[in-house]
Amino acid sequence: MSANDYKNQTHVISHLEVGNESITSGYMDDLKGGKSSMNDMNEALDSFSIFMLTSNCVLSLMICGGNIPVVVSIISFKSLRTVSNMFLVSLAVADILI
């Protein structure tokens, strides 16, 4: 068989090994939405992703809502500009940035 004949042929992989895991063509059919309950797993992952997204957004808003007034009040009032309060400002800014 020449190199050109090999290029023109279609080859199907029925068994694939990656590291310690192996994937068969039947499993690949299941991934395409065939026989298994992969669709149920995708729905569960989607609902979990929505939950995580919502909780992360709420947490981010709470973090900003708590740290921004600290920064604004310490910078606005000259009597609050002490060394320890400036340390709190740096922590609040770092918390907002993270």
C-alpha atoms as a PDB file:
ATOM      1  CA  MET A   1       0.000   0.000   0.000  1.00  0.00           C
ATOM      2  CA  SER A   2       1.440   3.342  -0.991  1.00  0.00           C
ATOM      3  CA  ALA A   3       1.240   6.558   1.000  1.00  0.00           C
ATOM      4  CA  ASN A   4      -1.391   8.011  -1.354  1.00  0.00           C
ATOM      5  CA  ASP A   5      -3.610   4.931  -0.943  1.00  0.00           C
ATOM      6  CA  TYR A   6      -3.378   5.289   2.832  1.00  0.00           C
ATOM      7  CA  LYS A   7      -4.360   8.984   2.684  1.00  0.00           C
ATOM      8  CA  ASN A   8      -7.474   8.217   0.635  1.00  0.00           C
ATOM      9  CA  GLN A   9      -8.837   5.603   3.029  1.00  0.00           C
ATOM     10  CA  THR A  10     -11.187   6.253   5.920  1.00  0.00           C
ATOM     11  CA  HIS A  11     -10.109   4.822   9.258  1.00  0.00           C
ATOM     12  CA  VAL A  12     -12.441   4.344  12.215  1.00  0.00           C
ATOM     13  CA  ILE A  13     -11.077   4.039  15.725  1.00  0.00           C
ATOM     14  CA  SER A  14     -13.132   1.530  17.695  1.00  0.00           C
ATOM     15  CA  HIS A  15     -11.007   1.636  20.844  1.00  0.00           C
ATOM     16  CA  LEU A  16      -8.958   4.532  22.174  1.00  0.00           C
ATOM     17  CA  GLU A  17      -6.605   4.424  25.142  1.00  0.00           C
ATOM     18  CA  VAL A  18      -5.554   7.616  26.877  1.00  0.00           C
ATOM     19  CA  GLY A  19      -3.378   7.140  29.919  1.00  0.00           C
ATOM     20  CA  ASN A  20      -5.145   4.640  32.164  1.00  0.00           C
ATOM     21  CA  GLU A  21      -8.567   5.280  30.620  1.00  0.00           C
ATOM     22  CA  SER A  22     -10.043   3.609  27.569  1.00  0.00           C
ATOM     23  CA  ILE A  23     -12.923   4.774  25.409  1.00  0.00           C
ATOM     24  CA  THR A  24     -14.786   2.439  23.077  1.00  0.00           C
ATOM     25  CA  SER A  25     -16.904   3.429  20.109  1.00  0.00           C
ATOM     26  CA  GLY A  26     -20.065   2.404  21.979  1.00  0.00           C
ATOM     27  CA  TYR A  27     -19.235   4.891  24.702  1.00  0.00           C
ATOM     28  CA  MET A  28     -18.670   7.552  22.065  1.00  0.00           C
ATOM     29  CA  ASP A  29     -22.176   6.825  20.737  1.00  0.00           C
ATOM     30  CA  ASP A  30     -23.511   7.328  24.258  1.00  0.00           C
ATOM     31  CA  LEU A  31     -21.787  10.709  24.451  1.00  0.00           C
ATOM     32  CA  LYS A  32     -23.640  11.806  21.327  1.00  0.00           C
ATOM     33  CA  GLY A  33     -26.942  11.442  23.168  1.00  0.00           C
ATOM     34  CA  GLY A  34     -27.686   7.858  22.267  1.00  0.00           C
ATOM     35  CA  LYS A  35     -28.406   5.150  24.781  1.00  0.00           C
ATOM     36  CA  SER A  36     -27.268   6.471  28.138  1.00  0.00           C
ATOM     37  CA  SER A  37     -28.446   9.045  30.616  1.00  0.00           C
ATOM     38  CA  MET A  38     -25.790  11.577  29.663  1.00  0.00           C
ATOM     39  CA  ASN A  39     -28.548  14.090  28.882  1.00  0.00           C
ATOM     40  CA  ASP A  40     -29.772  13.799  32.472  1.00  0.00           C
ATOM     41  CA  MET A  41     -26.232  14.431  33.683  1.00  0.00           C
ATOM     42  CA  ASN A  42     -25.950  17.485  31.417  1.00  0.00           C
ATOM     43  CA  GLU A  43     -29.204  18.860  32.829  1.00  0.00           C
ATOM     44  CA  ALA A  44     -27.917  18.343  36.370  1.00  0.00           C
ATOM     45  CA  LEU A  45     -24.660  20.073  35.474  1.00  0.00           C
ATOM     46  CA  ASP A  46     -26.573  22.933  33.913  1.00  0.00           C
ATOM     47  CA  SER A  47     -28.686  23.452  37.032  1.00  0.00           C
ATOM     48  CA  PHE A  48     -25.556  23.229  39.207  1.00  0.00           C
ATOM     49  CA  SER A  49     -23.804  25.756  36.952  1.00  0.00           C
ATOM     50  CA  ILE A  50     -26.749  28.132  37.232  1.00  0.00           C
ATOM     51  CA  PHE A  51     -26.710  27.759  41.023  1.00  0.00           C
ATOM     52  CA  MET A  52     -22.967  28.422  41.195  1.00  0.00           C
ATOM     53  CA  LEU A  53     -23.234  31.427  38.873  1.00  0.00           C
ATOM     54  CA  THR A  54     -26.055  32.916  40.923  1.00  0.00           C
ATOM     55  CA  SER A  55     -24.308  32.357  44.244  1.00  0.00           C
ATOM     56  CA  ASN A  56     -21.041  33.805  42.925  1.00  0.00           C
ATOM     57  CA  CYS A  57     -22.838  36.910  41.647  1.00  0.00           C
ATOM     58  CA  VAL A  58     -24.601  37.423  44.984  1.00  0.00           C
ATOM     59  CA  LEU A  59     -21.339  36.917  46.865  1.00  0.00           C
ATOM     60  CA  SER A  60     -19.523  39.397  44.609  1.00  0.00           C
ATOM     61  CA  LEU A  61     -22.212  42.019  45.153  1.00  0.00           C
ATOM     62  CA  MET A  62     -22.034  41.503  48.920  1.00  0.00           C
ATOM     63  CA  ILE A  63     -18.241  41.838  48.879  1.00  0.00           C
ATOM     64  CA  CYS A  64     -18.343  45.061  46.887  1.00  0.00           C
ATOM     65  CA  GLY A  65     -21.285  46.346  48.918  1.00  0.00           C
ATOM     66  CA  GLY A  66     -19.337  45.888  52.135  1.00  0.00           C
ATOM     67  CA  ASN A  67     -15.876  47.011  51.076  1.00  0.00           C
ATOM     68  CA  ILE A  68     -16.680  50.079  48.982  1.00  0.00           C
ATOM     69  CA  PRO A  69     -18.255  52.000  51.918  1.00  0.00           C
ATOM     70  CA  VAL A  70     -15.193  51.195  54.049  1.00  0.00           C
ATOM     71  CA  VAL A  71     -12.846  52.628  51.427  1.00  0.00           C
ATOM     72  CA  VAL A  72     -15.016  55.688  50.753  1.00  0.00           C
ATOM     73  CA  SER A  73     -15.538  56.540  54.422  1.00  0.00           C
ATOM     74  CA  ILE A  74     -11.873  56.232  55.389  1.00  0.00           C
ATOM     75  CA  ILE A  75     -10.737  58.283  52.405  1.00  0.00           C
ATOM     76  CA  SER A  76     -13.501  60.905  52.860  1.00  0.00           C
ATOM     77  CA  PHE A  77     -13.038  61.646  56.563  1.00  0.00           C
ATOM     78  CA  LYS A  78      -9.621  62.931  57.546  1.00  0.00           C
ATOM     79  CA  SER A  79     -10.028  61.824  61.157  1.00  0.00           C
ATOM     80  CA  LEU A  80     -10.284  58.182  60.018  1.00  0.00           C
ATOM     81  CA  ARG A  81      -6.958  58.241  58.178  1.00  0.00           C
ATOM     82  CA  THR A  82      -4.881  56.351  60.712  1.00  0.00           C
ATOM     83  CA  VAL A  83      -2.264  53.719  60.002  1.00  0.00           C
ATOM     84  CA  SER A  84      -4.527  50.867  61.059  1.00  0.00           C
ATOM     85  CA  ASN A  85      -7.412  52.191  58.968  1.00  0.00           C
ATOM     86  CA  MET A  86      -5.138  52.528  55.935  1.00  0.00           C
ATOM     87  CA  PHE A  87      -4.301  48.861  56.434  1.00  0.00           C
ATOM     88  CA  LEU A  88      -8.043  48.139  56.373  1.00  0.00           C
ATOM     89  CA  VAL A  89      -8.355  50.172  53.160  1.00  0.00           C
ATOM     90  CA  SER A  90      -5.618  48.130  51.527  1.00  0.00           C
ATOM     91  CA  LEU A  91      -7.344  44.906  52.604  1.00  0.00           C
ATOM     92  CA  ALA A  92     -10.697  46.152  51.313  1.00  0.00           C
ATOM     93  CA  VAL A  93      -9.208  47.165  47.952  1.00  0.00           C
ATOM     94  CA  ALA A  94      -7.437  43.818  47.642  1.00  0.00           C
ATOM     95  CA  ASP A  95     -10.682  42.035  48.494  1.00  0.00           C
ATOM     96  CA  ILE A  96     -12.529  43.977  45.785  1.00  0.00           C
ATOM     97  CA  LEU A  97      -9.826  43.241  43.214  1.00  0.00           C
ATOM     98  CA  ILE A  98      -9.811  39.528  43.934  1.00  0.00           C
END
